Amino acid sequence: MKTLKKNGAISNKEYQKEAKAIKSAGKKANSYDKKNRKDQTAIAKYYAQEKQKLTNKWNNKIERDEKLYGKHSTQVQKNINNKKKALDKQRLKFATKVTGDEARLHTTLAGKIKRANAKC
């Protein structure tokens, strides 16, 4: 950052803004890092399952559109971009909002039973 400012690639105002953002990001530890090992394992397992579902969903759409429109069609490219956006959104959700308890509800047998009973 200092080099960019010194070379004139960014203005002083941009430098101050970026420096402030970096400092605040350093203060906020990733919520995943704050969780205990059991929660981290549950969240990682739940994330892997959900990522696989989402990836399969988008891959099926892309494969179907490749057969219909061709490999380099705009529809296929649009679906590839949408898949990337969906995966990024999911990664952000799991990094910030998913709790260990929620993850265990989706990954353990006891949690699945609780969820099934709650739906009734």
PDB file of N, CA and C in Angstrom:
ATOM      1  N   MET A   1       0.819  -1.182   0.000  1.00  0.00           N
ATOM      2  CA  MET A   1       0.000   0.000   0.000  1.00  0.00           C
ATOM      3  C   MET A   1       0.873   1.260   0.000  1.00  0.00           C
ATOM      4  N   LYS A   2       1.897   1.247   0.841  1.00  0.00           N
ATOM      5  CA  LYS A   2       2.764   2.420   0.915  1.00  0.00           C
ATOM      6  C   LYS A   2       3.466   2.658  -0.412  1.00  0.00           C
ATOM      7  N   THR A   3       3.857   1.568  -1.070  1.00  0.00           N
ATOM      8  CA  THR A   3       4.534   1.690  -2.363  1.00  0.00           C
ATOM      9  C   THR A   3       3.592   2.265  -3.406  1.00  0.00           C
ATOM     10  N   LEU A   4       2.342   1.807  -3.399  1.00  0.00           N
ATOM     11  CA  LEU A   4       1.362   2.340  -4.353  1.00  0.00           C
ATOM     12  C   LEU A   4       1.142   3.830  -4.115  1.00  0.00           C
ATOM     13  N   LYS A   5       1.068   4.216  -2.856  1.00  0.00           N
ATOM     14  CA  LYS A   5       0.879   5.629  -2.533  1.00  0.00           C
ATOM     15  C   LYS A   5       2.103   6.440  -2.956  1.00  0.00           C
ATOM     16  N   LYS A   6       3.281   5.904  -2.673  1.00  0.00           N
ATOM     17  CA  LYS A   6       4.530   6.604  -3.000  1.00  0.00           C
ATOM     18  C   LYS A   6       4.670   6.789  -4.511  1.00  0.00           C
ATOM     19  N   ASN A   7       4.276   5.774  -5.285  1.00  0.00           N
ATOM     20  CA  ASN A   7       4.381   5.842  -6.738  1.00  0.00           C
ATOM     21  C   ASN A   7       3.254   6.644  -7.375  1.00  0.00           C
ATOM     22  N   GLY A   8       2.262   7.036  -6.582  1.00  0.00           N
ATOM     23  CA  GLY A   8       1.162   7.832  -7.100  1.00  0.00           C
ATOM     24  C   GLY A   8       0.063   7.011  -7.740  1.00  0.00           C
ATOM     25  N   ALA A   9       0.073   5.699  -7.511  1.00  0.00           N
ATOM     26  CA  ALA A   9      -0.958   4.839  -8.099  1.00  0.00           C
ATOM     27  C   ALA A   9      -2.299   5.014  -7.396  1.00  0.00           C
ATOM     28  N   ILE A  10      -2.256   5.383  -6.117  1.00  0.00           N
ATOM     29  CA  ILE A  10      -3.502   5.651  -5.391  1.00  0.00           C
ATOM     30  C   ILE A  10      -3.365   6.987  -4.676  1.00  0.00           C
ATOM     31  N   SER A  11      -4.501   7.623  -4.451  1.00  0.00           N
ATOM     32  CA  SER A  11      -4.486   8.921  -3.785  1.00  0.00           C
ATOM     33  C   SER A  11      -4.384   8.723  -2.273  1.00  0.00           C
ATOM     34  N   ASN A  12      -4.130   9.812  -1.583  1.00  0.00           N
ATOM     35  CA  ASN A  12      -4.021   9.763  -0.125  1.00  0.00           C
ATOM     36  C   ASN A  12      -5.342   9.311   0.503  1.00  0.00           C
ATOM     37  N   LYS A  13      -6.433   9.780  -0.067  1.00  0.00           N
ATOM     38  CA  LYS A  13      -7.759   9.411   0.450  1.00  0.00           C
ATOM     39  C   LYS A  13      -8.004   7.904   0.286  1.00  0.00           C
ATOM     40  N   GLU A  14      -7.652   7.358  -0.873  1.00  0.00           N
ATOM     41  CA  GLU A  14      -7.799   5.917  -1.101  1.00  0.00           C
ATOM     42  C   GLU A  14      -6.906   5.129  -0.153  1.00  0.00           C
ATOM     43  N   TYR A  15      -5.686   5.637   0.068  1.00  0.00           N
ATOM     44  CA  TYR A  15      -4.748   4.978   0.975  1.00  0.00           C
ATOM     45  C   TYR A  15      -5.324   4.913   2.386  1.00  0.00           C
ATOM     46  N   GLN A  16      -5.866   6.042   2.859  1.00  0.00           N
ATOM     47  CA  GLN A  16      -6.454   6.083   4.206  1.00  0.00           C
ATOM     48  C   GLN A  16      -7.623   5.108   4.322  1.00  0.00           C
ATOM     49  N   LYS A  17      -8.442   5.055   3.289  1.00  0.00           N
ATOM     50  CA  LYS A  17      -9.603   4.161   3.287  1.00  0.00           C
ATOM     51  C   LYS A  17      -9.161   2.696   3.359  1.00  0.00           C
ATOM     52  N   GLU A  18      -8.186   2.330   2.541  1.00  0.00           N
ATOM     53  CA  GLU A  18      -7.684   0.951   2.529  1.00  0.00           C
ATOM     54  C   GLU A  18      -6.998   0.591   3.843  1.00  0.00           C
ATOM     55  N   ALA A  19      -6.237   1.528   4.394  1.00  0.00           N
ATOM     56  CA  ALA A  19      -5.551   1.275   5.665  1.00  0.00           C
ATOM     57  C   ALA A  19      -6.562   1.039   6.778  1.00  0.00           C
ATOM     58  N   LYS A  20      -7.617   1.820   6.782  1.00  0.00           N
ATOM     59  CA  LYS A  20      -8.671   1.657   7.790  1.00  0.00           C
ATOM     60  C   LYS A  20      -9.351   0.299   7.639  1.00  0.00           C
ATOM     61  N   ALA A  21      -9.620  -0.098   6.397  1.00  0.00           N
ATOM     62  CA  ALA A  21     -10.258  -1.394   6.142  1.00  0.00           C
ATOM     63  C   ALA A  21      -9.378  -2.548   6.594  1.00  0.00           C
ATOM     64  N   ILE A  22      -8.081  -2.437   6.336  1.00  0.00           N
ATOM     65  CA  ILE A  22      -7.140  -3.492   6.737  1.00  0.00           C
ATOM     66  C   ILE A  22      -7.064  -3.593   8.260  1.00  0.00           C
ATOM     67  N   LYS A  23      -7.024  -2.457   8.937  1.00  0.00           N
ATOM     68  CA  LYS A  23      -6.964  -2.466  10.395  1.00  0.00           C
ATOM     69  C   LYS A  23      -8.215  -3.088  10.997  1.00  0.00           C
ATOM     70  N   SER A  24      -9.394  -2.716  10.471  1.00  0.00           N
ATOM     71  CA  SER A  24     -10.637  -3.258  11.026  1.00  0.00           C
ATOM     72  C   SER A  24     -10.767  -4.750  10.724  1.00  0.00           C
ATOM     73  N   ALA A  25     -10.261  -5.181   9.584  1.00  0.00           N
ATOM     74  CA  ALA A  25     -10.299  -6.605   9.253  1.00  0.00           C
ATOM     75  C   ALA A  25      -9.391  -7.396  10.186  1.00  0.00           C
ATOM     76  N   GLY A  26      -8.281  -6.805  10.577  1.00  0.00           N
ATOM     77  CA  GLY A  26      -7.374  -7.473  11.503  1.00  0.00           C
ATOM     78  C   GLY A  26      -7.982  -7.629  12.878  1.00  0.00           C
ATOM     79  N   LYS A  27      -8.785  -6.660  13.302  1.00  0.00           N
ATOM     80  CA  LYS A  27      -9.423  -6.730  14.618  1.00  0.00           C
ATOM     81  C   LYS A  27     -10.494  -7.798  14.669  1.00  0.00           C
ATOM     82  N   LYS A  28     -11.200  -7.941  13.562  1.00  0.00           N
ATOM     83  CA  LYS A  28     -12.259  -8.947  13.513  1.00  0.00           C
ATOM     84  C   LYS A  28     -11.634 -10.276  13.133  1.00  0.00           C
ATOM     85  N   ALA A  29     -11.548 -11.176  14.063  1.00  0.00           N
ATOM     86  CA  ALA A  29     -11.057 -12.512  13.723  1.00  0.00           C
ATOM     87  C   ALA A  29     -12.192 -13.243  13.030  1.00  0.00           C
ATOM     88  N   ASN A  30     -11.839 -14.090  12.122  1.00  0.00           N
ATOM     89  CA  ASN A  30     -12.847 -14.885  11.427  1.00  0.00           C
ATOM     90  C   ASN A  30     -13.644 -15.672  12.454  1.00  0.00           C
ATOM     91  N   SER A  31     -14.946 -15.617  12.365  1.00  0.00           N
ATOM     92  CA  SER A  31     -15.787 -16.290  13.357  1.00  0.00           C
ATOM     93  C   SER A  31     -15.538 -17.795  13.358  1.00  0.00           C
ATOM     94  N   TYR A  32     -15.149 -18.348  12.224  1.00  0.00           N
ATOM     95  CA  TYR A  32     -14.845 -19.783  12.164  1.00  0.00           C
ATOM     96  C   TYR A  32     -13.652 -20.100  13.065  1.00  0.00           C
ATOM     97  N   ASP A  33     -12.659 -19.228  13.097  1.00  0.00           N
ATOM     98  CA  ASP A  33     -11.470 -19.452  13.921  1.00  0.00           C
ATOM     99  C   ASP A  33     -11.784 -19.408  15.412  1.00  0.00           C
ATOM    100  N   LYS A  34     -12.823 -18.688  15.795  1.00  0.00           N
ATOM    101  CA  LYS A  34     -13.181 -18.563  17.204  1.00  0.00           C
ATOM    102  C   LYS A  34     -13.914 -19.797  17.734  1.00  0.00           C
ATOM    103  N   LYS A  35     -14.439 -20.598  16.873  1.00  0.00           N
ATOM    104  CA  LYS A  35     -15.233 -21.748  17.302  1.00  0.00           C
ATOM    105  C   LYS A  35     -14.338 -22.887  17.779  1.00  0.00           C
ATOM    106  N   ASN A  36     -14.903 -23.738  18.630  1.00  0.00           N
ATOM    107  CA  ASN A  36     -14.110 -24.863  19.112  1.00  0.00           C
ATOM    108  C   ASN A  36     -14.003 -25.943  18.031  1.00  0.00           C
ATOM    109  N   ARG A  37     -13.170 -26.914  18.278  1.00  0.00           N
ATOM    110  CA  ARG A  37     -12.866 -27.960  17.286  1.00  0.00           C
ATOM    111  C   ARG A  37     -14.117 -28.723  16.858  1.00  0.00           C
ATOM    112  N   LYS A  38     -14.989 -29.040  17.805  1.00  0.00           N
ATOM    113  CA  LYS A  38     -16.201 -29.800  17.507  1.00  0.00           C
ATOM    114  C   LYS A  38     -17.105 -29.023  16.547  1.00  0.00           C
ATOM    115  N   ASP A  39     -17.269 -27.719  16.816  1.00  0.00           N
ATOM    116  CA  ASP A  39     -18.083 -26.875  15.941  1.00  0.00           C
ATOM    117  C   ASP A  39     -17.443 -26.748  14.563  1.00  0.00           C
ATOM    118  N   GLN A  40     -16.122 -26.579  14.531  1.00  0.00           N
ATOM    119  CA  GLN A  40     -15.431 -26.447  13.255  1.00  0.00           C
ATOM    120  C   GLN A  40     -15.617 -27.699  12.405  1.00  0.00           C
ATOM    121  N   THR A  41     -15.530 -28.860  13.032  1.00  0.00           N
ATOM    122  CA  THR A  41     -15.697 -30.116  12.306  1.00  0.00           C
ATOM    123  C   THR A  41     -17.111 -30.239  11.758  1.00  0.00           C
ATOM    124  N   ALA A  42     -18.100 -29.905  12.587  1.00  0.00           N
ATOM    125  CA  ALA A  42     -19.497 -29.994  12.159  1.00  0.00           C
ATOM    126  C   ALA A  42     -19.773 -29.031  11.005  1.00  0.00           C
ATOM    127  N   ILE A  43     -19.266 -27.816  11.114  1.00  0.00           N
ATOM    128  CA  ILE A  43     -19.491 -26.820  10.063  1.00  0.00           C
ATOM    129  C   ILE A  43     -18.796 -27.236   8.770  1.00  0.00           C
ATOM    130  N   ALA A  44     -17.580 -27.754   8.880  1.00  0.00           N
ATOM    131  CA  ALA A  44     -16.844 -28.192   7.688  1.00  0.00           C
ATOM    132  C   ALA A  44     -17.580 -29.342   6.987  1.00  0.00           C
ATOM    133  N   LYS A  45     -18.097 -30.270   7.760  1.00  0.00           N
ATOM    134  CA  LYS A  45     -18.830 -31.404   7.183  1.00  0.00           C
ATOM    135  C   LYS A  45     -20.113 -30.916   6.502  1.00  0.00           C
ATOM    136  N   TYR A  46     -20.850 -30.054   7.178  1.00  0.00           N
ATOM    137  CA  TYR A  46     -22.094 -29.507   6.625  1.00  0.00           C
ATOM    138  C   TYR A  46     -21.800 -28.702   5.355  1.00  0.00           C
ATOM    139  N   TYR A  47     -20.736 -27.896   5.388  1.00  0.00           N
ATOM    140  CA  TYR A  47     -20.355 -27.110   4.220  1.00  0.00           C
ATOM    141  C   TYR A  47     -20.025 -28.017   3.038  1.00  0.00           C
ATOM    142  N   ALA A  48     -19.279 -29.084   3.296  1.00  0.00           N
ATOM    143  CA  ALA A  48     -18.910 -30.005   2.218  1.00  0.00           C
ATOM    144  C   ALA A  48     -20.149 -30.641   1.594  1.00  0.00           C
ATOM    145  N   GLN A  49     -21.105 -31.032   2.433  1.00  0.00           N
ATOM    146  CA  GLN A  49     -22.335 -31.628   1.911  1.00  0.00           C
ATOM    147  C   GLN A  49     -23.132 -30.638   1.075  1.00  0.00           C
ATOM    148  N   GLU A  50     -23.286 -29.421   1.590  1.00  0.00           N
ATOM    149  CA  GLU A  50     -24.065 -28.407   0.873  1.00  0.00           C
ATOM    150  C   GLU A  50     -23.364 -27.952  -0.404  1.00  0.00           C
ATOM    151  N   LYS A  51     -22.041 -27.860  -0.361  1.00  0.00           N
ATOM    152  CA  LYS A  51     -21.291 -27.470  -1.557  1.00  0.00           C
ATOM    153  C   LYS A  51     -21.449 -28.527  -2.648  1.00  0.00           C
ATOM    154  N   GLN A  52     -21.416 -29.797  -2.255  1.00  0.00           N
ATOM    155  CA  GLN A  52     -21.577 -30.890  -3.217  1.00  0.00           C
ATOM    156  C   GLN A  52     -22.961 -30.826  -3.874  1.00  0.00           C
ATOM    157  N   LYS A  53     -24.001 -30.572  -3.080  1.00  0.00           N
ATOM    158  CA  LYS A  53     -25.362 -30.456  -3.622  1.00  0.00           C
ATOM    159  C   LYS A  53     -25.445 -29.310  -4.622  1.00  0.00           C
ATOM    160  N   LEU A  54     -24.899 -28.158  -4.215  1.00  0.00           N
ATOM    161  CA  LEU A  54     -24.954 -26.977  -5.076  1.00  0.00           C
ATOM    162  C   LEU A  54     -24.155 -27.185  -6.355  1.00  0.00           C
ATOM    163  N   THR A  55     -22.989 -27.792  -6.237  1.00  0.00           N
ATOM    164  CA  THR A  55     -22.154 -28.057  -7.406  1.00  0.00           C
ATOM    165  C   THR A  55     -22.847 -29.014  -8.362  1.00  0.00           C
ATOM    166  N   ASN A  56     -23.442 -30.064  -7.834  1.00  0.00           N
ATOM    167  CA  ASN A  56     -24.168 -31.021  -8.688  1.00  0.00           C
ATOM    168  C   ASN A  56     -25.331 -30.355  -9.397  1.00  0.00           C
ATOM    169  N   LYS A  57     -26.061 -29.506  -8.689  1.00  0.00           N
ATOM    170  CA  LYS A  57     -27.199 -28.794  -9.281  1.00  0.00           C
ATOM    171  C   LYS A  57     -26.750 -27.954 -10.479  1.00  0.00           C
ATOM    172  N   TRP A  58     -25.696 -27.157 -10.275  1.00  0.00           N
ATOM    173  CA  TRP A  58     -25.222 -26.294 -11.355  1.00  0.00           C
ATOM    174  C   TRP A  58     -24.569 -27.089 -12.478  1.00  0.00           C
ATOM    175  N   ASN A  59     -23.846 -28.163 -12.140  1.00  0.00           N
ATOM    176  CA  ASN A  59     -23.233 -28.981 -13.185  1.00  0.00           C
ATOM    177  C   ASN A  59     -24.287 -29.630 -14.071  1.00  0.00           C
ATOM    178  N   ASN A  60     -25.401 -30.050 -13.480  1.00  0.00           N
ATOM    179  CA  ASN A  60     -26.493 -30.623 -14.276  1.00  0.00           C
ATOM    180  C   ASN A  60     -27.089 -29.589 -15.222  1.00  0.00           C
ATOM    181  N   LYS A  61     -27.279 -28.359 -14.719  1.00  0.00           N
ATOM    182  CA  LYS A  61     -27.802 -27.292 -15.574  1.00  0.00           C
ATOM    183  C   LYS A  61     -26.838 -27.002 -16.727  1.00  0.00           C
ATOM    184  N   ILE A  62     -25.559 -26.917 -16.398  1.00  0.00           N
ATOM    185  CA  ILE A  62     -24.545 -26.612 -17.419  1.00  0.00           C
ATOM    186  C   ILE A  62     -24.488 -27.727 -18.455  1.00  0.00           C
ATOM    187  N   GLU A  63     -24.509 -28.966 -17.993  1.00  0.00           N
ATOM    188  CA  GLU A  63     -24.450 -30.110 -18.913  1.00  0.00           C
ATOM    189  C   GLU A  63     -25.671 -30.140 -19.839  1.00  0.00           C
ATOM    190  N   ARG A  64     -26.845 -29.877 -19.274  1.00  0.00           N
ATOM    191  CA  ARG A  64     -28.066 -29.844 -20.078  1.00  0.00           C
ATOM    192  C   ARG A  64     -27.999 -28.750 -21.143  1.00  0.00           C
ATOM    193  N   ASP A  65     -27.529 -27.572 -20.741  1.00  0.00           N
ATOM    194  CA  ASP A  65     -27.438 -26.464 -21.688  1.00  0.00           C
ATOM    195  C   ASP A  65     -26.349 -26.688 -22.732  1.00  0.00           C
ATOM    196  N   GLU A  66     -25.280 -27.391 -22.375  1.00  0.00           N
ATOM    197  CA  GLU A  66     -24.254 -27.718 -23.367  1.00  0.00           C
ATOM    198  C   GLU A  66     -24.832 -28.610 -24.453  1.00  0.00           C
ATOM    199  N   LYS A  67     -25.670 -29.547 -24.058  1.00  0.00           N
ATOM    200  CA  LYS A  67     -26.304 -30.430 -25.048  1.00  0.00           C
ATOM    201  C   LYS A  67     -27.279 -29.665 -25.928  1.00  0.00           C
ATOM    202  N   LEU A  68     -28.018 -28.738 -25.342  1.00  0.00           N
ATOM    203  CA  LEU A  68     -29.017 -27.975 -26.090  1.00  0.00           C
ATOM    204  C   LEU A  68     -28.401 -26.897 -26.979  1.00  0.00           C
ATOM    205  N   TYR A  69     -27.477 -26.112 -26.396  1.00  0.00           N
ATOM    206  CA  TYR A  69     -27.015 -24.914 -27.087  1.00  0.00           C
ATOM    207  C   TYR A  69     -25.565 -24.975 -27.566  1.00  0.00           C
ATOM    208  N   GLY A  70     -24.799 -25.933 -27.107  1.00  0.00           N
ATOM    209  CA  GLY A  70     -23.384 -26.000 -27.465  1.00  0.00           C
ATOM    210  C   GLY A  70     -22.512 -25.534 -26.318  1.00  0.00           C
ATOM    211  N   LYS A  71     -21.275 -25.983 -26.347  1.00  0.00           N
ATOM    212  CA  LYS A  71     -20.373 -25.757 -25.222  1.00  0.00           C
ATOM    213  C   LYS A  71     -20.028 -24.284 -24.995  1.00  0.00           C
ATOM    214  N   HIS A  72     -19.951 -23.501 -26.059  1.00  0.00           N
ATOM    215  CA  HIS A  72     -19.515 -22.114 -25.926  1.00  0.00           C
ATOM    216  C   HIS A  72     -20.668 -21.118 -26.039  1.00  0.00           C
ATOM    217  N   SER A  73     -21.884 -21.564 -25.797  1.00  0.00           N
ATOM    218  CA  SER A  73     -23.040 -20.673 -25.911  1.00  0.00           C
ATOM    219  C   SER A  73     -23.083 -19.700 -24.742  1.00  0.00           C
ATOM    220  N   THR A  74     -23.841 -18.626 -24.921  1.00  0.00           N
ATOM    221  CA  THR A  74     -23.954 -17.623 -23.859  1.00  0.00           C
ATOM    222  C   THR A  74     -24.686 -18.193 -22.650  1.00  0.00           C
ATOM    223  N   GLN A  75     -25.638 -19.076 -22.883  1.00  0.00           N
ATOM    224  CA  GLN A  75     -26.381 -19.677 -21.767  1.00  0.00           C
ATOM    225  C   GLN A  75     -25.452 -20.498 -20.872  1.00  0.00           C
ATOM    226  N   VAL A  76     -24.557 -21.260 -21.483  1.00  0.00           N
ATOM    227  CA  VAL A  76     -23.614 -22.073 -20.707  1.00  0.00           C
ATOM    228  C   VAL A  76     -22.671 -21.155 -19.928  1.00  0.00           C
ATOM    229  N   GLN A  77     -22.155 -20.112 -20.569  1.00  0.00           N
ATOM    230  CA  GLN A  77     -21.259 -19.186 -19.885  1.00  0.00           C
ATOM    231  C   GLN A  77     -21.964 -18.486 -18.726  1.00  0.00           C
ATOM    232  N   LYS A  78     -23.229 -18.135 -18.951  1.00  0.00           N
ATOM    233  CA  LYS A  78     -24.021 -17.492 -17.907  1.00  0.00           C
ATOM    234  C   LYS A  78     -24.198 -18.434 -16.717  1.00  0.00           C
ATOM    235  N   ASN A  79     -24.475 -19.704 -16.998  1.00  0.00           N
ATOM    236  CA  ASN A  79     -24.632 -20.680 -15.919  1.00  0.00           C
ATOM    237  C   ASN A  79     -23.327 -20.904 -15.163  1.00  0.00           C
ATOM    238  N   ILE A  80     -22.212 -20.901 -15.865  1.00  0.00           N
ATOM    239  CA  ILE A  80     -20.907 -21.061 -15.202  1.00  0.00           C
ATOM    240  C   ILE A  80     -20.657 -19.894 -14.253  1.00  0.00           C
ATOM    241  N   ASN A  81     -20.951 -18.681 -14.709  1.00  0.00           N
ATOM    242  CA  ASN A  81     -20.781 -17.501 -13.848  1.00  0.00           C
ATOM    243  C   ASN A  81     -21.721 -17.543 -12.653  1.00  0.00           C
ATOM    244  N   ASN A  82     -22.959 -17.971 -12.882  1.00  0.00           N
ATOM    245  CA  ASN A  82     -23.928 -18.079 -11.788  1.00  0.00           C
ATOM    246  C   ASN A  82     -23.494 -19.131 -10.772  1.00  0.00           C
ATOM    247  N   LYS A  83     -22.888 -20.211 -11.251  1.00  0.00           N
ATOM    248  CA  LYS A  83     -22.391 -21.254 -10.355  1.00  0.00           C
ATOM    249  C   LYS A  83     -21.302 -20.676  -9.457  1.00  0.00           C
ATOM    250  N   LYS A  84     -20.377 -19.917 -10.049  1.00  0.00           N
ATOM    251  CA  LYS A  84     -19.304 -19.311  -9.260  1.00  0.00           C
ATOM    252  C   LYS A  84     -19.869 -18.361  -8.202  1.00  0.00           C
ATOM    253  N   LYS A  85     -20.856 -17.556  -8.596  1.00  0.00           N
ATOM    254  CA  LYS A  85     -21.467 -16.618  -7.655  1.00  0.00           C
ATOM    255  C   LYS A  85     -22.172 -17.364  -6.525  1.00  0.00           C
ATOM    256  N   ALA A  86     -22.880 -18.435  -6.864  1.00  0.00           N
ATOM    257  CA  ALA A  86     -23.597 -19.209  -5.855  1.00  0.00           C
ATOM    258  C   ALA A  86     -22.626 -19.855  -4.869  1.00  0.00           C
ATOM    259  N   LEU A  87     -21.519 -20.368  -5.371  1.00  0.00           N
ATOM    260  CA  LEU A  87     -20.523 -20.980  -4.482  1.00  0.00           C
ATOM    261  C   LEU A  87     -19.868 -19.935  -3.573  1.00  0.00           C
ATOM    262  N   ASP A  88     -19.593 -18.753  -4.109  1.00  0.00           N
ATOM    263  CA  ASP A  88     -19.022 -17.677  -3.291  1.00  0.00           C
ATOM    264  C   ASP A  88     -19.997 -17.239  -2.197  1.00  0.00           C
ATOM    265  N   LYS A  89     -21.268 -17.113  -2.576  1.00  0.00           N
ATOM    266  CA  LYS A  89     -22.295 -16.712  -1.615  1.00  0.00           C
ATOM    267  C   LYS A  89     -22.420 -17.752  -0.511  1.00  0.00           C
ATOM    268  N   GLN A  90     -22.380 -19.024  -0.898  1.00  0.00           N
ATOM    269  CA  GLN A  90     -22.482 -20.106   0.081  1.00  0.00           C
ATOM    270  C   GLN A  90     -21.267 -20.106   1.018  1.00  0.00           C
ATOM    271  N   ARG A  91     -20.079 -19.907   0.468  1.00  0.00           N
ATOM    272  CA  ARG A  91     -18.869 -19.879   1.282  1.00  0.00           C
ATOM    273  C   ARG A  91     -18.934 -18.756   2.314  1.00  0.00           C
ATOM    274  N   LEU A  92     -19.411 -17.598   1.890  1.00  0.00           N
ATOM    275  CA  LEU A  92     -19.553 -16.464   2.790  1.00  0.00           C
ATOM    276  C   LEU A  92     -20.569 -16.766   3.889  1.00  0.00           C
ATOM    277  N   LYS A  93     -21.670 -17.392   3.517  1.00  0.00           N
ATOM    278  CA  LYS A  93     -22.704 -17.742   4.498  1.00  0.00           C
ATOM    279  C   LYS A  93     -22.133 -18.679   5.562  1.00  0.00           C
ATOM    280  N   PHE A  94     -21.405 -19.692   5.131  1.00  0.00           N
ATOM    281  CA  PHE A  94     -20.865 -20.654   6.081  1.00  0.00           C
ATOM    282  C   PHE A  94     -19.764 -20.043   6.933  1.00  0.00           C
ATOM    283  N   ALA A  95     -19.055 -19.072   6.420  1.00  0.00           N
ATOM    284  CA  ALA A  95     -17.981 -18.441   7.185  1.00  0.00           C
ATOM    285  C   ALA A  95     -18.525 -17.491   8.243  1.00  0.00           C
ATOM    286  N   THR A  96     -19.724 -16.958   8.033  1.00  0.00           N
ATOM    287  CA  THR A  96     -20.207 -15.924   8.942  1.00  0.00           C
ATOM    288  C   THR A  96     -21.458 -16.288   9.724  1.00  0.00           C
ATOM    289  N   LYS A  97     -22.385 -17.059   9.144  1.00  0.00           N
ATOM    290  CA  LYS A  97     -23.696 -17.214   9.771  1.00  0.00           C
ATOM    291  C   LYS A  97     -24.002 -18.585  10.359  1.00  0.00           C
ATOM    292  N   VAL A  98     -23.404 -19.630   9.847  1.00  0.00           N
ATOM    293  CA  VAL A  98     -23.763 -20.972  10.286  1.00  0.00           C
ATOM    294  C   VAL A  98     -23.119 -21.272  11.634  1.00  0.00           C
ATOM    295  N   THR A  99     -23.933 -21.733  12.581  1.00  0.00           N
ATOM    296  CA  THR A  99     -23.415 -22.074  13.907  1.00  0.00           C
ATOM    297  C   THR A  99     -23.129 -23.565  13.979  1.00  0.00           C
ATOM    298  N   GLY A 100     -22.388 -23.947  14.991  1.00  0.00           N
ATOM    299  CA  GLY A 100     -22.082 -25.361  15.190  1.00  0.00           C
ATOM    300  C   GLY A 100     -23.332 -26.175  15.442  1.00  0.00           C
ATOM    301  N   ASP A 101     -24.268 -25.607  16.211  1.00  0.00           N
ATOM    302  CA  ASP A 101     -25.520 -26.328  16.498  1.00  0.00           C
ATOM    303  C   ASP A 101     -26.321 -26.568  15.218  1.00  0.00           C
ATOM    304  N   GLU A 102     -26.400 -25.550  14.382  1.00  0.00           N
ATOM    305  CA  GLU A 102     -27.124 -25.699  13.115  1.00  0.00           C
ATOM    306  C   GLU A 102     -26.464 -26.747  12.235  1.00  0.00           C
ATOM    307  N   ALA A 103     -25.149 -26.726  12.184  1.00  0.00           N
ATOM    308  CA  ALA A 103     -24.423 -27.695  11.363  1.00  0.00           C
ATOM    309  C   ALA A 103     -24.652 -29.110  11.884  1.00  0.00           C
ATOM    310  N   ARG A 104     -24.630 -29.287  13.213  1.00  0.00           N
ATOM    311  CA  ARG A 104     -24.873 -30.621  13.776  1.00  0.00           C
ATOM    312  C   ARG A 104     -26.286 -31.100  13.490  1.00  0.00           C
ATOM    313  N   LEU A 105     -27.255 -30.180  13.431  1.00  0.00           N
ATOM    314  CA  LEU A 105     -28.628 -30.570  13.094  1.00  0.00           C
ATOM    315  C   LEU A 105     -28.703 -31.192  11.708  1.00  0.00           C
ATOM    316  N   HIS A 106     -27.844 -30.753  10.815  1.00  0.00           N
ATOM    317  CA  HIS A 106     -27.874 -31.237   9.439  1.00  0.00           C
ATOM    318  C   HIS A 106     -26.957 -32.424   9.176  1.00  0.00           C
ATOM    319  N   THR A 107     -25.986 -32.662  10.050  1.00  0.00           N
ATOM    320  CA  THR A 107     -24.999 -33.691   9.745  1.00  0.00           C
ATOM    321  C   THR A 107     -25.076 -34.930  10.625  1.00  0.00           C
ATOM    322  N   THR A 108     -25.600 -34.809  11.842  1.00  0.00           N
ATOM    323  CA  THR A 108     -25.647 -35.974  12.723  1.00  0.00           C
ATOM    324  C   THR A 108     -26.998 -36.656  12.647  1.00  0.00           C
ATOM    325  N   LEU A 109     -27.036 -37.919  12.989  1.00  0.00           N
ATOM    326  CA  LEU A 109     -28.282 -38.675  12.968  1.00  0.00           C
ATOM    327  C   LEU A 109     -29.287 -38.094  13.955  1.00  0.00           C
ATOM    328  N   ALA A 110     -28.815 -37.766  15.152  1.00  0.00           N
ATOM    329  CA  ALA A 110     -29.702 -37.178  16.158  1.00  0.00           C
ATOM    330  C   ALA A 110     -30.270 -35.848  15.665  1.00  0.00           C
ATOM    331  N   GLY A 111     -29.426 -35.059  15.018  1.00  0.00           N
ATOM    332  CA  GLY A 111     -29.884 -33.778  14.484  1.00  0.00           C
ATOM    333  C   GLY A 111     -30.914 -33.947  13.382  1.00  0.00           C
ATOM    334  N   LYS A 112     -30.699 -34.940  12.521  1.00  0.00           N
ATOM    335  CA  LYS A 112     -31.658 -35.189  11.448  1.00  0.00           C
ATOM    336  C   LYS A 112     -33.005 -35.634  12.010  1.00  0.00           C
ATOM    337  N   ILE A 113     -32.980 -36.428  13.081  1.00  0.00           N
ATOM    338  CA  ILE A 113     -34.223 -36.861  13.731  1.00  0.00           C
ATOM    339  C   ILE A 113     -34.946 -35.670  14.346  1.00  0.00           C
ATOM    340  N   LYS A 114     -34.188 -34.783  15.013  1.00  0.00           N
ATOM    341  CA  LYS A 114     -34.781 -33.576  15.596  1.00  0.00           C
ATOM    342  C   LYS A 114     -35.447 -32.704  14.521  1.00  0.00           C
ATOM    343  N   ARG A 115     -34.744 -32.543  13.394  1.00  0.00           N
ATOM    344  CA  ARG A 115     -35.296 -31.733  12.298  1.00  0.00           C
ATOM    345  C   ARG A 115     -36.552 -32.364  11.737  1.00  0.00           C
ATOM    346  N   ALA A 116     -36.560 -33.685  11.593  1.00  0.00           N
ATOM    347  CA  ALA A 116     -37.732 -34.386  11.056  1.00  0.00           C
ATOM    348  C   ALA A 116     -38.920 -34.246  12.006  1.00  0.00           C
ATOM    349  N   ASN A 117     -38.669 -34.344  13.309  1.00  0.00           N
ATOM    350  CA  ASN A 117     -39.748 -34.178  14.288  1.00  0.00           C
ATOM    351  C   ASN A 117     -40.256 -32.752  14.343  1.00  0.00           C
ATOM    352  N   ALA A 118     -39.387 -31.802  14.131  1.00  0.00           N
ATOM    353  CA  ALA A 118     -39.787 -30.391  14.153  1.00  0.00           C
ATOM    354  C   ALA A 118     -40.674 -30.052  12.955  1.00  0.00           C
ATOM    355  N   LYS A 119     -40.485 -30.748  11.846  1.00  0.00           N
ATOM    356  CA  LYS A 119     -41.293 -30.477  10.652  1.00  0.00           C
ATOM    357  C   LYS A 119     -42.719 -30.969  10.799  1.00  0.00           C
ATOM    358  N   CYS A 120     -42.918 -32.004  11.636  1.00  0.00           N
ATOM    359  CA  CYS A 120     -44.250 -32.592  11.801  1.00  0.00           C
ATOM    360  C   CYS A 120     -45.202 -31.717  12.533  1.00  0.00           C
TER     361      CYS A 120
END
